[in-house]
Protein backbone atom coordinates (compact mmCIF):
# COMPACT_ATOMS: atom_id res chain seq x y z
CA UNK A 1 172.66 96.59 94.88
CA UNK A 2 175.10 97.32 97.72
CA UNK A 3 175.64 94.42 100.09
CA UNK A 4 178.41 93.89 102.67
CA UNK A 5 180.40 90.69 102.29
CA UNK A 6 183.61 89.07 103.49
CA UNK A 7 185.95 86.55 101.92
CA UNK A 8 187.39 84.13 104.50
CA UNK A 9 190.46 81.95 104.00
CA UNK A 10 189.38 78.70 105.66
CA UNK A 11 191.79 75.95 106.81
CA UNK A 12 194.84 78.23 106.79
CA UNK A 13 196.54 80.95 108.80
CA UNK A 14 198.01 82.48 105.65
CA UNK A 15 196.07 85.12 103.70
CA UNK A 16 195.06 84.20 100.14
CA UNK A 17 195.54 80.48 100.75
CA UNK A 18 193.29 77.70 102.00
CA UNK A 19 189.68 77.37 100.93
CA UNK A 20 188.05 80.68 100.00
CA UNK A 21 184.57 81.20 101.44
CA UNK A 22 182.33 84.19 100.71
CA UNK A 23 180.03 85.28 103.55
CA UNK A 24 177.16 87.74 103.19
CA UNK A 25 176.40 88.66 106.83
CA UNK A 26 173.17 90.61 106.22
CA UNK A 27 171.22 88.57 103.70
CA UNK A 28 167.70 89.15 105.01
CA UNK A 29 165.31 90.03 102.22
CA UNK A 30 167.35 88.51 99.40
CA UNK A 31 165.40 86.25 97.08
CA UNK A 32 166.61 82.74 96.24
CA UNK A 33 167.53 83.82 92.70
CA UNK A 34 169.49 86.79 94.01
CA UNK A 35 171.47 84.57 96.39
CA UNK A 36 172.21 82.19 93.53
CA UNK A 37 173.34 85.06 91.26
CA UNK A 38 175.61 86.44 94.00
CA UNK A 39 177.17 83.00 94.60
CA UNK A 40 177.71 82.62 90.85
CA UNK A 41 179.41 86.04 90.77
CA UNK A 42 181.78 85.12 93.64
CA UNK A 43 182.53 81.82 91.86
CA UNK A 44 183.93 80.19 95.02
CA UNK A 45 183.10 76.64 96.07
CA UNK A 46 180.52 78.00 98.57
CA UNK A 47 178.91 81.28 99.55
CA UNK A 48 177.19 81.60 102.94
CA UNK A 49 174.22 83.90 103.50
CA UNK A 50 173.47 84.79 107.13
CA UNK A 51 169.90 85.79 107.95
CA UNK A 52 168.06 86.57 111.15
CA UNK A 53 167.20 83.54 113.29
CA UNK A 54 163.95 81.76 112.57
CA UNK A 55 163.44 80.72 116.21
CA UNK A 56 164.53 81.96 119.64
CA UNK A 57 166.79 78.91 120.03
CA UNK A 58 168.99 79.93 117.12
CA UNK A 59 171.38 82.82 116.64
CA UNK A 60 171.17 82.92 112.84
CA UNK A 61 169.80 81.20 109.81
CA UNK A 62 172.42 80.01 107.32
CA UNK A 63 171.93 79.31 103.63
CA UNK A 64 174.74 77.92 101.49
CA UNK A 65 175.05 78.24 97.72
CA UNK A 66 177.60 76.98 95.22
CA UNK A 67 177.84 78.79 91.89
CA UNK A 68 175.26 76.27 90.59
CA UNK A 69 172.86 75.30 93.39
CA UNK A 70 171.82 75.67 97.02
CA UNK A 71 173.21 73.06 99.41
CA UNK A 72 171.09 71.71 102.28
CA UNK A 73 174.21 71.50 104.48
CA UNK A 74 178.00 71.74 104.28
CA UNK A 75 180.36 71.52 107.25
CA UNK A 76 182.95 74.26 106.92
CA UNK A 77 180.60 76.91 105.46
CA UNK A 78 178.15 76.33 108.31
CA UNK A 79 180.79 76.39 111.05
CA UNK A 80 182.58 79.43 109.60
CA UNK A 81 179.30 81.28 109.10
CA UNK A 82 178.34 80.79 112.74
CA UNK A 83 181.90 81.63 113.83
CA UNK A 84 181.72 84.92 111.96
CA UNK A 85 178.25 85.65 113.36
CA UNK A 86 179.55 85.09 116.89
CA UNK A 87 182.64 87.19 116.27
CA UNK A 88 180.57 90.09 114.95
CA UNK A 89 178.16 89.85 117.88
CA UNK A 90 181.06 89.44 120.33
CA UNK A 91 179.34 86.33 121.48
CA UNK A 92 180.69 82.95 122.55
CA UNK A 93 178.70 79.96 121.36
CA UNK A 94 178.33 76.86 123.46
CA UNK A 95 176.82 73.53 122.61
CA UNK A 96 173.54 73.75 120.83
CA UNK A 97 171.60 72.99 117.73
CA UNK A 98 172.40 74.34 114.29
CA UNK A 99 169.29 74.84 112.20
CA UNK A 100 169.95 72.96 108.95
CA UNK A 101 168.15 73.88 105.77
CA UNK A 102 164.58 72.55 105.95
CA UNK A 103 165.20 70.13 103.07
CA UNK A 104 168.41 68.67 104.50
CA UNK A 105 168.61 64.89 104.56
CA UNK A 106 170.99 63.10 106.91
């Protein structure tokens, strides 16, 4: 399987420092088990999978996996995933609603 991905250094301006975050920007069509296997292979604290938006109000759908499980929500992976999506689309995001995972509890 060939799949584009990026590794971001979050919370730092210095390469190879900070909190490593894997982002798969084109994750549409991946099965849950495939996302989990990819996150396990990266072995970082979180891996973000960006999919097409589920509604017109959203710009993307974000799923977050640790090497062991899917998370309903996590702050920096969500914000960095949307940041990367905006950067790639050359788009500036304003205030709005982030679509959390359907099972998220607040």
